[in-house]
Amino acid sequence: MAPPKRVQSSRNEGKIILALRAFYSGQFQSAAEAARTFHVSKTSLLRRIYGVNP
């Protein structure tokens, strides 16, 4: 059984934050690389980086 949406959303948010921190700290040369490593959407990560509201 899949976890409830709230739990899944919270986990995804945490992974996006980790990916952002890793990208900004220079651990990755591209946002796409950070997104792949942390298993998050590249589009979501780029929107956070550029400050675009969904």
PDB file of N, CA and C in Angstrom:
ATOM      1  N   MET A   1       0.841  -1.180   0.000  1.00  0.00           N
ATOM      2  CA  MET A   1       0.000   0.000   0.000  1.00  0.00           C
ATOM      3  C   MET A   1       0.891   1.250   0.000  1.00  0.00           C
ATOM      4  N   ALA A   2       0.537   2.204  -0.825  1.00  0.00           N
ATOM      5  CA  ALA A   2       1.313   3.442  -0.933  1.00  0.00           C
ATOM      6  C   ALA A   2       1.086   4.317   0.297  1.00  0.00           C
ATOM      7  N   PRO A   3       2.112   5.100   0.675  1.00  0.00           N
ATOM      8  CA  PRO A   3       1.934   6.006   1.817  1.00  0.00           C
ATOM      9  C   PRO A   3       0.924   7.101   1.481  1.00  0.00           C
ATOM     10  N   PRO A   4       0.292   7.683   2.494  1.00  0.00           N
ATOM     11  CA  PRO A   4      -0.654   8.777   2.241  1.00  0.00           C
ATOM     12  C   PRO A   4       0.022   9.931   1.501  1.00  0.00           C
ATOM     13  N   LYS A   5      -0.770  10.676   0.741  1.00  0.00           N
ATOM     14  CA  LYS A   5      -0.235  11.790  -0.062  1.00  0.00           C
ATOM     15  C   LYS A   5       0.570  12.779   0.766  1.00  0.00           C
ATOM     16  N   ARG A   6       0.088  13.074   1.975  1.00  0.00           N
ATOM     17  CA  ARG A   6       0.778  14.044   2.831  1.00  0.00           C
ATOM     18  C   ARG A   6       2.192  13.570   3.160  1.00  0.00           C
ATOM     19  N   VAL A   7       2.346  12.290   3.472  1.00  0.00           N
ATOM     20  CA  VAL A   7       3.661  11.743   3.809  1.00  0.00           C
ATOM     21  C   VAL A   7       4.549  11.749   2.580  1.00  0.00           C
ATOM     22  N   GLN A   8       3.987  11.336   1.453  1.00  0.00           N
ATOM     23  CA  GLN A   8       4.748  11.296   0.212  1.00  0.00           C
ATOM     24  C   GLN A   8       5.190  12.702  -0.191  1.00  0.00           C
ATOM     25  N   SER A   9       4.311  13.675  -0.060  1.00  0.00           N
ATOM     26  CA  SER A   9       4.623  15.058  -0.393  1.00  0.00           C
ATOM     27  C   SER A   9       5.722  15.606   0.517  1.00  0.00           C
ATOM     28  N   SER A  10       5.651  15.261   1.787  1.00  0.00           N
ATOM     29  CA  SER A  10       6.650  15.710   2.751  1.00  0.00           C
ATOM     30  C   SER A  10       8.021  15.122   2.428  1.00  0.00           C
ATOM     31  N   ARG A  11       8.046  13.853   2.047  1.00  0.00           N
ATOM     32  CA  ARG A  11       9.319  13.212   1.672  1.00  0.00           C
ATOM     33  C   ARG A  11       9.912  13.878   0.441  1.00  0.00           C
ATOM     34  N   ASN A  12       9.062  14.140  -0.550  1.00  0.00           N
ATOM     35  CA  ASN A  12       9.530  14.769  -1.778  1.00  0.00           C
ATOM     36  C   ASN A  12      10.076  16.166  -1.495  1.00  0.00           C
ATOM     37  N   GLU A  13       9.401  16.905  -0.629  1.00  0.00           N
ATOM     38  CA  GLU A  13       9.866  18.248  -0.255  1.00  0.00           C
ATOM     39  C   GLU A  13      11.253  18.169   0.376  1.00  0.00           C
ATOM     40  N   GLY A  14      11.447  17.198   1.246  1.00  0.00           N
ATOM     41  CA  GLY A  14      12.748  17.015   1.888  1.00  0.00           C
ATOM     42  C   GLY A  14      13.837  16.698   0.881  1.00  0.00           C
ATOM     43  N   LYS A  15      13.513  15.857  -0.107  1.00  0.00           N
ATOM     44  CA  LYS A  15      14.500  15.512  -1.130  1.00  0.00           C
ATOM     45  C   LYS A  15      14.836  16.722  -1.995  1.00  0.00           C
ATOM     46  N   ILE A  16      13.844  17.553  -2.282  1.00  0.00           N
ATOM     47  CA  ILE A  16      14.094  18.765  -3.071  1.00  0.00           C
ATOM     48  C   ILE A  16      15.010  19.712  -2.301  1.00  0.00           C
ATOM     49  N   ILE A  17      14.771  19.865  -1.017  1.00  0.00           N
ATOM     50  CA  ILE A  17      15.619  20.736  -0.192  1.00  0.00           C
ATOM     51  C   ILE A  17      17.050  20.210  -0.156  1.00  0.00           C
ATOM     52  N   LEU A  18      17.210  18.902   0.004  1.00  0.00           N
ATOM     53  CA  LEU A  18      18.557  18.321   0.002  1.00  0.00           C
ATOM     54  C   LEU A  18      19.247  18.541  -1.342  1.00  0.00           C
ATOM     55  N   ALA A  19      18.506  18.373  -2.423  1.00  0.00           N
ATOM     56  CA  ALA A  19      19.071  18.584  -3.755  1.00  0.00           C
ATOM     57  C   ALA A  19      19.483  20.045  -3.950  1.00  0.00           C
ATOM     58  N   LEU A  20      18.652  20.972  -3.481  1.00  0.00           N
ATOM     59  CA  LEU A  20      18.991  22.397  -3.574  1.00  0.00           C
ATOM     60  C   LEU A  20      20.265  22.715  -2.802  1.00  0.00           C
ATOM     61  N   ARG A  21      20.349  22.227  -1.581  1.00  0.00           N
ATOM     62  CA  ARG A  21      21.540  22.484  -0.763  1.00  0.00           C
ATOM     63  C   ARG A  21      22.791  21.918  -1.415  1.00  0.00           C
ATOM     64  N   ALA A  22      22.689  20.703  -1.943  1.00  0.00           N
ATOM     65  CA  ALA A  22      23.839  20.078  -2.593  1.00  0.00           C
ATOM     66  C   ALA A  22      24.241  20.861  -3.842  1.00  0.00           C
ATOM     67  N   PHE A  23      23.266  21.312  -4.606  1.00  0.00           N
ATOM     68  CA  PHE A  23      23.555  22.087  -5.814  1.00  0.00           C
ATOM     69  C   PHE A  23      24.219  23.414  -5.470  1.00  0.00           C
ATOM     70  N   TYR A  24      23.639  24.145  -4.511  1.00  0.00           N
ATOM     71  CA  TYR A  24      24.190  25.447  -4.122  1.00  0.00           C
ATOM     72  C   TYR A  24      25.568  25.336  -3.468  1.00  0.00           C
ATOM     73  N   SER A  25      25.848  24.214  -2.830  1.00  0.00           N
ATOM     74  CA  SER A  25      27.152  24.050  -2.180  1.00  0.00           C
ATOM     75  C   SER A  25      28.231  23.611  -3.170  1.00  0.00           C
ATOM     76  N   GLY A  26      27.838  23.365  -4.423  1.00  0.00           N
ATOM     77  CA  GLY A  26      28.815  23.014  -5.442  1.00  0.00           C
ATOM     78  C   GLY A  26      29.099  21.536  -5.572  1.00  0.00           C
ATOM     79  N   GLN A  27      28.306  20.698  -4.943  1.00  0.00           N
ATOM     80  CA  GLN A  27      28.520  19.255  -5.046  1.00  0.00           C
ATOM     81  C   GLN A  27      28.156  18.727  -6.431  1.00  0.00           C
ATOM     82  N   PHE A  28      27.321  19.470  -7.154  1.00  0.00           N
ATOM     83  CA  PHE A  28      26.900  19.074  -8.495  1.00  0.00           C
ATOM     84  C   PHE A  28      27.120  20.229  -9.450  1.00  0.00           C
ATOM     85  N   GLN A  29      27.500  19.902 -10.681  1.00  0.00           N
ATOM     86  CA  GLN A  29      27.721  20.943 -11.674  1.00  0.00           C
ATOM     87  C   GLN A  29      26.429  21.403 -12.330  1.00  0.00           C
ATOM     88  N   SER A  30      25.390  20.572 -12.252  1.00  0.00           N
ATOM     89  CA  SER A  30      24.115  20.950 -12.869  1.00  0.00           C
ATOM     90  C   SER A  30      22.950  20.561 -11.971  1.00  0.00           C
ATOM     91  N   ALA A  31      21.855  21.268 -12.163  1.00  0.00           N
ATOM     92  CA  ALA A  31      20.639  20.953 -11.414  1.00  0.00           C
ATOM     93  C   ALA A  31      20.107  19.592 -11.836  1.00  0.00           C
ATOM     94  N   ALA A  32      20.273  19.254 -13.099  1.00  0.00           N
ATOM     95  CA  ALA A  32      19.797  17.958 -13.593  1.00  0.00           C
ATOM     96  C   ALA A  32      20.509  16.812 -12.879  1.00  0.00           C
ATOM     97  N   GLU A  33      21.794  16.967 -12.669  1.00  0.00           N
ATOM     98  CA  GLU A  33      22.571  15.944 -11.966  1.00  0.00           C
ATOM     99  C   GLU A  33      22.092  15.798 -10.518  1.00  0.00           C
ATOM    100  N   ALA A  34      21.832  16.902  -9.860  1.00  0.00           N
ATOM    101  CA  ALA A  34      21.323  16.862  -8.484  1.00  0.00           C
ATOM    102  C   ALA A  34      19.941  16.225  -8.447  1.00  0.00           C
ATOM    103  N   ALA A  35      19.093  16.559  -9.408  1.00  0.00           N
ATOM    104  CA  ALA A  35      17.741  15.993  -9.467  1.00  0.00           C
ATOM    105  C   ALA A  35      17.793  14.481  -9.653  1.00  0.00           C
ATOM    106  N   ARG A  36      18.661  14.021 -10.538  1.00  0.00           N
ATOM    107  CA  ARG A  36      18.794  12.571 -10.749  1.00  0.00           C
ATOM    108  C   ARG A  36      19.271  11.875  -9.489  1.00  0.00           C
ATOM    109  N   THR A  37      20.258  12.451  -8.833  1.00  0.00           N
ATOM    110  CA  THR A  37      20.833  11.835  -7.641  1.00  0.00           C
ATOM    111  C   THR A  37      19.816  11.727  -6.512  1.00  0.00           C
ATOM    112  N   PHE A  38      18.999  12.758  -6.345  1.00  0.00           N
ATOM    113  CA  PHE A  38      18.035  12.779  -5.242  1.00  0.00           C
ATOM    114  C   PHE A  38      16.644  12.295  -5.655  1.00  0.00           C
ATOM    115  N   HIS A  39      16.510  11.833  -6.904  1.00  0.00           N
ATOM    116  CA  HIS A  39      15.245  11.274  -7.406  1.00  0.00           C
ATOM    117  C   HIS A  39      14.090  12.262  -7.276  1.00  0.00           C
ATOM    118  N   VAL A  40      14.330  13.477  -7.749  1.00  0.00           N
ATOM    119  CA  VAL A  40      13.275  14.492  -7.783  1.00  0.00           C
ATOM    120  C   VAL A  40      13.144  15.008  -9.214  1.00  0.00           C
ATOM    121  N   SER A  41      12.051  15.670  -9.484  1.00  0.00           N
ATOM    122  CA  SER A  41      11.803  16.223 -10.807  1.00  0.00           C
ATOM    123  C   SER A  41      12.786  17.362 -11.101  1.00  0.00           C
ATOM    124  N   LYS A  42      13.410  17.278 -12.274  1.00  0.00           N
ATOM    125  CA  LYS A  42      14.333  18.342 -12.679  1.00  0.00           C
ATOM    126  C   LYS A  42      13.588  19.665 -12.806  1.00  0.00           C
ATOM    127  N   THR A  43      12.372  19.606 -13.325  1.00  0.00           N
ATOM    128  CA  THR A  43      11.562  20.813 -13.492  1.00  0.00           C
ATOM    129  C   THR A  43      11.263  21.460 -12.147  1.00  0.00           C
ATOM    130  N   SER A  44      10.880  20.655 -11.167  1.00  0.00           N
ATOM    131  CA  SER A  44      10.585  21.193  -9.828  1.00  0.00           C
ATOM    132  C   SER A  44      11.821  21.844  -9.227  1.00  0.00           C
ATOM    133  N   LEU A  45      12.957  21.186  -9.381  1.00  0.00           N
ATOM    134  CA  LEU A  45      14.200  21.722  -8.830  1.00  0.00           C
ATOM    135  C   LEU A  45      14.573  23.038  -9.519  1.00  0.00           C
ATOM    136  N   LEU A  46      14.464  23.075 -10.835  1.00  0.00           N
ATOM    137  CA  LEU A  46      14.787  24.307 -11.561  1.00  0.00           C
ATOM    138  C   LEU A  46      13.842  25.443 -11.191  1.00  0.00           C
ATOM    139  N   ARG A  47      12.571  25.126 -10.986  1.00  0.00           N
ATOM    140  CA  ARG A  47      11.621  26.168 -10.572  1.00  0.00           C
ATOM    141  C   ARG A  47      12.015  26.751  -9.224  1.00  0.00           C
ATOM    142  N   ARG A  48      12.486  25.909  -8.317  1.00  0.00           N
ATOM    143  CA  ARG A  48      12.932  26.405  -7.006  1.00  0.00           C
ATOM    144  C   ARG A  48      14.169  27.281  -7.167  1.00  0.00           C
ATOM    145  N   ILE A  49      15.089  26.853  -8.012  1.00  0.00           N
ATOM    146  CA  ILE A  49      16.327  27.608  -8.218  1.00  0.00           C
ATOM    147  C   ILE A  49      16.020  28.990  -8.801  1.00  0.00           C
ATOM    148  N   TYR A  50      15.125  29.037  -9.787  1.00  0.00           N
ATOM    149  CA  TYR A  50      14.799  30.299 -10.449  1.00  0.00           C
ATOM    150  C   TYR A  50      13.697  31.082  -9.754  1.00  0.00           C
ATOM    151  N   GLY A  51      13.105  30.508  -8.706  1.00  0.00           N
ATOM    152  CA  GLY A  51      12.087  31.212  -7.940  1.00  0.00           C
ATOM    153  C   GLY A  51      10.748  31.340  -8.641  1.00  0.00           C
ATOM    154  N   VAL A  52      10.429  30.381  -9.499  1.00  0.00           N
ATOM    155  CA  VAL A  52       9.168  30.406 -10.233  1.00  0.00           C
ATOM    156  C   VAL A  52       8.094  29.722  -9.403  1.00  0.00           C
ATOM    157  N   ASN A  53       6.937  30.373  -9.271  1.00  0.00           N
ATOM    158  CA  ASN A  53       5.812  29.762  -8.566  1.00  0.00           C
ATOM    159  C   ASN A  53       5.080  28.818  -9.511  1.00  0.00           C
ATOM    160  N   PRO A  54       4.663  27.649  -9.009  1.00  0.00           N
ATOM    161  CA  PRO A  54       3.958  26.691  -9.884  1.00  0.00           C
ATOM    162  C   PRO A  54       2.588  27.176 -10.287  1.00  0.00           C
TER     163      PRO A  54
END
